[in-house]
Amino acid sequence: MNRFFLVGYMGSGKTSMGKLLANKLGYTFVDMDARIEEKYLKTVSDIFAEMGQEKFREMERDCLHEVATFENVVISTGGGAPCFFDNMDYMNHRGITVYLNLSVPQLVERLSSSRPGKRPLIDGLKGQRLEQFIVDALATRQLFYSKAQIHISGTDEEMVEKITSLKAL
């Protein structure tokens, strides 16, 4: 297949790893959240605030169906994208799915420094509240993420090594 879908929780590195993999493969990189923002001329946070999560998830599904027709592409999905509609099964049939599986402490560390307004689901959460939110969300999302064909975990350095080794696929 010539299409990779990177899935995982927010802050797991889908965008940075996606750019790295696309560069290594000579593929195009697409960040679905950025594509939605460009199309609707609104940030994801603004879409959530003005239209609600349900409308955003519909936009996200439409975007997924569009980019899943591209060839030689690495696609960074939103953290929730695999968990709505039939998106995870759809991605598994359209390309290679890669789950970037970070530990809760890794995610807390990364997300603690998020800019206000950048991640609407965790805006205003810090410390123990942020950690508990991540634990609860992962308990629900793990069912979907676990359907990915490839699972990658570890430190940033280990993940970089593992993701760049996907070139052999």
C-alpha atoms as a PDB file:
ATOM      1  CA  MET A   1       0.000   0.000   0.000  1.00  0.00           C
ATOM      2  CA  ASN A   2       1.123   3.552  -0.595  1.00  0.00           C
ATOM      3  CA  ARG A   3      -0.980   5.202   2.094  1.00  0.00           C
ATOM      4  CA  PHE A   4      -0.177   5.451   5.812  1.00  0.00           C
ATOM      5  CA  PHE A   5      -2.632   6.618   8.466  1.00  0.00           C
ATOM      6  CA  LEU A   6      -1.117   7.641  11.797  1.00  0.00           C
ATOM      7  CA  VAL A   7      -3.495   7.298  14.732  1.00  0.00           C
ATOM      8  CA  GLY A   8      -3.111   7.894  18.451  1.00  0.00           C
ATOM      9  CA  TYR A   9      -4.075  10.197  21.261  1.00  0.00           C
ATOM     10  CA  MET A  10      -3.520  13.947  20.994  1.00  0.00           C
ATOM     11  CA  GLY A  11       0.102  14.755  21.671  1.00  0.00           C
ATOM     12  CA  SER A  12       1.338  11.333  20.602  1.00  0.00           C
ATOM     13  CA  GLY A  13       3.436  12.772  17.772  1.00  0.00           C
ATOM     14  CA  LYS A  14       1.275  12.007  14.752  1.00  0.00           C
ATOM     15  CA  THR A  15       2.210  15.246  13.008  1.00  0.00           C
ATOM     16  CA  SER A  16       5.934  15.209  13.751  1.00  0.00           C
ATOM     17  CA  MET A  17       6.285  11.483  13.049  1.00  0.00           C
ATOM     18  CA  GLY A  18       4.106  11.825   9.962  1.00  0.00           C
ATOM     19  CA  LYS A  19       6.334  14.524   8.502  1.00  0.00           C
ATOM     20  CA  LEU A  20       9.385  12.404   9.262  1.00  0.00           C
ATOM     21  CA  LEU A  21       7.939   9.288   7.623  1.00  0.00           C
ATOM     22  CA  ALA A  22       6.657  11.189   4.585  1.00  0.00           C
ATOM     23  CA  ASN A  23      10.073  12.775   4.091  1.00  0.00           C
ATOM     24  CA  LYS A  24      11.813   9.407   4.417  1.00  0.00           C
ATOM     25  CA  LEU A  25       9.456   7.795   1.896  1.00  0.00           C
ATOM     26  CA  GLY A  26       9.291  10.749  -0.490  1.00  0.00           C
ATOM     27  CA  TYR A  27       5.518  10.882   0.113  1.00  0.00           C
ATOM     28  CA  THR A  28       3.179  13.808   0.614  1.00  0.00           C
ATOM     29  CA  PHE A  29       2.234  14.613   4.207  1.00  0.00           C
ATOM     30  CA  VAL A  30      -1.340  15.555   5.142  1.00  0.00           C
ATOM     31  CA  ASP A  31      -2.439  16.679   8.604  1.00  0.00           C
ATOM     32  CA  MET A  32      -6.214  16.259   8.715  1.00  0.00           C
ATOM     33  CA  ASP A  33      -6.784  18.923  11.383  1.00  0.00           C
ATOM     34  CA  ALA A  34      -4.771  21.461   9.375  1.00  0.00           C
ATOM     35  CA  ARG A  35      -6.664  20.516   6.213  1.00  0.00           C
ATOM     36  CA  ILE A  36     -10.007  21.050   7.956  1.00  0.00           C
ATOM     37  CA  GLU A  37      -8.827  24.413   9.297  1.00  0.00           C
ATOM     38  CA  GLU A  38      -7.760  25.497   5.801  1.00  0.00           C
ATOM     39  CA  LYS A  39     -11.026  24.388   4.217  1.00  0.00           C
ATOM     40  CA  TYR A  40     -13.332  26.004   6.772  1.00  0.00           C
ATOM     41  CA  LEU A  41     -11.084  28.982   7.618  1.00  0.00           C
ATOM     42  CA  LYS A  42     -11.525  28.239  11.326  1.00  0.00           C
ATOM     43  CA  THR A  43      -9.376  26.564  13.948  1.00  0.00           C
ATOM     44  CA  VAL A  44     -10.452  23.201  15.311  1.00  0.00           C
ATOM     45  CA  SER A  45     -11.128  24.957  18.629  1.00  0.00           C
ATOM     46  CA  ASP A  46     -13.393  27.484  16.905  1.00  0.00           C
ATOM     47  CA  ILE A  47     -15.249  24.725  15.073  1.00  0.00           C
ATOM     48  CA  PHE A  48     -15.807  22.895  18.378  1.00  0.00           C
ATOM     49  CA  ALA A  49     -16.992  26.109  20.072  1.00  0.00           C
ATOM     50  CA  GLU A  50     -19.233  27.325  17.262  1.00  0.00           C
ATOM     51  CA  MET A  51     -20.570  24.097  15.759  1.00  0.00           C
ATOM     52  CA  GLY A  52     -19.960  21.417  18.382  1.00  0.00           C
ATOM     53  CA  GLN A  53     -18.034  18.183  18.419  1.00  0.00           C
ATOM     54  CA  GLU A  54     -20.643  16.274  16.385  1.00  0.00           C
ATOM     55  CA  LYS A  55     -20.331  18.660  13.422  1.00  0.00           C
ATOM     56  CA  PHE A  56     -16.534  18.576  13.685  1.00  0.00           C
ATOM     57  CA  ARG A  57     -16.574  14.755  13.578  1.00  0.00           C
ATOM     58  CA  GLU A  58     -18.650  14.890  10.391  1.00  0.00           C
ATOM     59  CA  MET A  59     -16.139  17.305   8.834  1.00  0.00           C
ATOM     60  CA  GLU A  60     -13.340  15.002   9.969  1.00  0.00           C
ATOM     61  CA  ARG A  61     -14.992  11.967   8.362  1.00  0.00           C
ATOM     62  CA  ASP A  62     -15.485  13.862   5.092  1.00  0.00           C
ATOM     63  CA  CYS A  63     -11.829  14.922   5.167  1.00  0.00           C
ATOM     64  CA  LEU A  64     -10.736  11.338   5.819  1.00  0.00           C
ATOM     65  CA  HIS A  65     -12.702  10.059   2.843  1.00  0.00           C
ATOM     66  CA  GLU A  66     -11.128  12.742   0.667  1.00  0.00           C
ATOM     67  CA  VAL A  67      -7.502  12.186   1.686  1.00  0.00           C
ATOM     68  CA  ALA A  68      -7.890   8.397   1.610  1.00  0.00           C
ATOM     69  CA  THR A  69      -8.007   8.666  -2.173  1.00  0.00           C
ATOM     70  CA  PHE A  70      -4.535  10.235  -2.339  1.00  0.00           C
ATOM     71  CA  GLU A  71      -1.572   8.143  -3.447  1.00  0.00           C
ATOM     72  CA  ASN A  72       1.886   8.064  -1.841  1.00  0.00           C
ATOM     73  CA  VAL A  73       0.737   9.863   1.277  1.00  0.00           C
ATOM     74  CA  VAL A  74       1.216   9.849   5.042  1.00  0.00           C
ATOM     75  CA  ILE A  75      -1.905  11.089   6.839  1.00  0.00           C
ATOM     76  CA  SER A  76      -1.910  12.366  10.404  1.00  0.00           C
ATOM     77  CA  THR A  77      -5.426  11.893  11.757  1.00  0.00           C
ATOM     78  CA  GLY A  78      -6.972  13.757  14.647  1.00  0.00           C
ATOM     79  CA  GLY A  79      -6.799  11.888  17.950  1.00  0.00           C
ATOM     80  CA  GLY A  80     -10.523  11.135  17.920  1.00  0.00           C
ATOM     81  CA  ALA A  81     -10.861  10.350  14.218  1.00  0.00           C
ATOM     82  CA  PRO A  82     -10.561   6.549  14.579  1.00  0.00           C
ATOM     83  CA  CYS A  83     -13.287   6.515  17.251  1.00  0.00           C
ATOM     84  CA  PHE A  84     -16.223   7.845  15.243  1.00  0.00           C
ATOM     85  CA  PHE A  85     -18.353   6.400  12.473  1.00  0.00           C
ATOM     86  CA  ASP A  86     -16.511   3.495  10.802  1.00  0.00           C
ATOM     87  CA  ASN A  87     -13.317   5.534  10.405  1.00  0.00           C
ATOM     88  CA  MET A  88     -10.859   2.979  11.826  1.00  0.00           C
ATOM     89  CA  ASP A  89     -12.177   0.139   9.666  1.00  0.00           C
ATOM     90  CA  TYR A  90     -12.227   2.492   6.683  1.00  0.00           C
ATOM     91  CA  MET A  91      -8.554   3.408   7.216  1.00  0.00           C
ATOM     92  CA  ASN A  92      -7.570  -0.239   7.645  1.00  0.00           C
ATOM     93  CA  HIS A  93      -9.093  -0.997   4.237  1.00  0.00           C
ATOM     94  CA  ARG A  94      -7.507   2.003   2.514  1.00  0.00           C
ATOM     95  CA  GLY A  95      -3.924   1.796   3.750  1.00  0.00           C
ATOM     96  CA  ILE A  96      -1.549   0.914   6.555  1.00  0.00           C
ATOM     97  CA  THR A  97      -2.604   2.139   9.984  1.00  0.00           C
ATOM     98  CA  VAL A  98       0.058   2.954  12.571  1.00  0.00           C
ATOM     99  CA  TYR A  99      -0.832   3.516  16.224  1.00  0.00           C
ATOM    100  CA  LEU A 100       1.571   5.792  18.096  1.00  0.00           C
ATOM    101  CA  ASN A 101       1.067   4.396  21.585  1.00  0.00           C
ATOM    102  CA  LEU A 102       2.518   6.661  24.267  1.00  0.00           C
ATOM    103  CA  SER A 103       2.225   6.105  27.999  1.00  0.00           C
ATOM    104  CA  VAL A 104      -0.033   8.292  30.131  1.00  0.00           C
ATOM    105  CA  PRO A 105       2.981  10.046  31.754  1.00  0.00           C
ATOM    106  CA  GLN A 106       4.419  10.818  28.301  1.00  0.00           C
ATOM    107  CA  LEU A 107       1.081  12.250  27.161  1.00  0.00           C
ATOM    108  CA  VAL A 108       0.630  14.309  30.339  1.00  0.00           C
ATOM    109  CA  GLU A 109       4.113  15.767  29.913  1.00  0.00           C
ATOM    110  CA  ARG A 110       3.494  16.681  26.276  1.00  0.00           C
ATOM    111  CA  LEU A 111      -0.026  18.006  26.750  1.00  0.00           C
ATOM    112  CA  SER A 112       0.789  20.035  29.859  1.00  0.00           C
ATOM    113  CA  SER A 113       2.603  22.518  27.660  1.00  0.00           C
ATOM    114  CA  SER A 114      -0.182  22.862  25.042  1.00  0.00           C
ATOM    115  CA  ARG A 115      -1.128  26.402  24.150  1.00  0.00           C
ATOM    116  CA  PRO A 116      -4.522  27.497  25.489  1.00  0.00           C
ATOM    117  CA  GLY A 117      -7.154  27.093  22.781  1.00  0.00           C
ATOM    118  CA  LYS A 118      -5.140  24.604  20.730  1.00  0.00           C
ATOM    119  CA  ARG A 119      -6.734  21.429  22.105  1.00  0.00           C
ATOM    120  CA  PRO A 120     -10.404  22.085  22.935  1.00  0.00           C
ATOM    121  CA  LEU A 121     -11.028  18.815  24.775  1.00  0.00           C
ATOM    122  CA  ILE A 122      -8.366  19.541  27.409  1.00  0.00           C
ATOM    123  CA  ASP A 123      -8.492  23.334  27.622  1.00  0.00           C
ATOM    124  CA  GLY A 124      -8.045  24.370  31.228  1.00  0.00           C
ATOM    125  CA  LEU A 125      -7.026  20.917  32.503  1.00  0.00           C
ATOM    126  CA  LYS A 126      -3.781  20.653  34.457  1.00  0.00           C
ATOM    127  CA  GLY A 127      -2.019  18.160  36.716  1.00  0.00           C
ATOM    128  CA  GLN A 128      -4.174  15.375  38.127  1.00  0.00           C
ATOM    129  CA  ARG A 129      -7.291  16.532  36.241  1.00  0.00           C
ATOM    130  CA  LEU A 130      -5.414  16.309  32.931  1.00  0.00           C
ATOM    131  CA  GLU A 131      -3.982  12.909  33.803  1.00  0.00           C
ATOM    132  CA  GLN A 132      -7.406  11.531  34.784  1.00  0.00           C
ATOM    133  CA  PHE A 133      -8.944  12.904  31.586  1.00  0.00           C
ATOM    134  CA  ILE A 134      -6.284  11.137  29.516  1.00  0.00           C
ATOM    135  CA  VAL A 135      -6.729   7.860  31.432  1.00  0.00           C
ATOM    136  CA  ASP A 136     -10.507   7.978  30.923  1.00  0.00           C
ATOM    137  CA  ALA A 137     -10.253   8.925  27.245  1.00  0.00           C
ATOM    138  CA  LEU A 138      -7.705   6.207  26.508  1.00  0.00           C
ATOM    139  CA  ALA A 139      -9.941   3.627  28.195  1.00  0.00           C
ATOM    140  CA  THR A 140     -12.584   4.424  25.576  1.00  0.00           C
ATOM    141  CA  ARG A 141     -10.325   5.027  22.588  1.00  0.00           C
ATOM    142  CA  GLN A 142      -8.007   2.065  23.087  1.00  0.00           C
ATOM    143  CA  LEU A 143     -10.607  -0.232  21.509  1.00  0.00           C
ATOM    144  CA  PHE A 144     -10.298   1.726  18.274  1.00  0.00           C
ATOM    145  CA  TYR A 145      -6.561   2.450  18.377  1.00  0.00           C
ATOM    146  CA  SER A 146      -5.802  -1.227  18.980  1.00  0.00           C
ATOM    147  CA  LYS A 147      -7.283  -2.080  15.568  1.00  0.00           C
ATOM    148  CA  ALA A 148      -4.286  -0.433  13.884  1.00  0.00           C
ATOM    149  CA  GLN A 149      -2.104  -2.809  11.890  1.00  0.00           C
ATOM    150  CA  ILE A 150       1.149  -1.534  13.409  1.00  0.00           C
ATOM    151  CA  HIS A 151       1.698  -0.375  16.998  1.00  0.00           C
ATOM    152  CA  ILE A 152       4.694   1.789  17.915  1.00  0.00           C
ATOM    153  CA  SER A 153       5.657   2.885  21.418  1.00  0.00           C
ATOM    154  CA  GLY A 154       8.692   4.085  23.334  1.00  0.00           C
ATOM    155  CA  THR A 155      10.645   7.267  23.765  1.00  0.00           C
ATOM    156  CA  ASP A 156      10.737   9.855  20.996  1.00  0.00           C
ATOM    157  CA  GLU A 157      14.077   8.491  19.808  1.00  0.00           C
ATOM    158  CA  GLU A 158      12.816   4.905  19.754  1.00  0.00           C
ATOM    159  CA  MET A 159       9.657   5.925  17.928  1.00  0.00           C
ATOM    160  CA  VAL A 160      11.643   7.843  15.319  1.00  0.00           C
ATOM    161  CA  GLU A 161      13.731   4.726  14.701  1.00  0.00           C
ATOM    162  CA  LYS A 162      10.656   2.491  14.474  1.00  0.00           C
ATOM    163  CA  ILE A 163       8.671   4.836  12.246  1.00  0.00           C
ATOM    164  CA  THR A 164      11.552   5.356   9.821  1.00  0.00           C
ATOM    165  CA  SER A 165      11.989   1.586   9.597  1.00  0.00           C
ATOM    166  CA  LEU A 166       8.503   1.452   8.068  1.00  0.00           C
ATOM    167  CA  LYS A 167      10.191   2.419   4.814  1.00  0.00           C
ATOM    168  CA  ALA A 168      10.868  -1.290   4.359  1.00  0.00           C
ATOM    169  CA  LEU A 169       7.118  -1.986   4.002  1.00  0.00           C
END
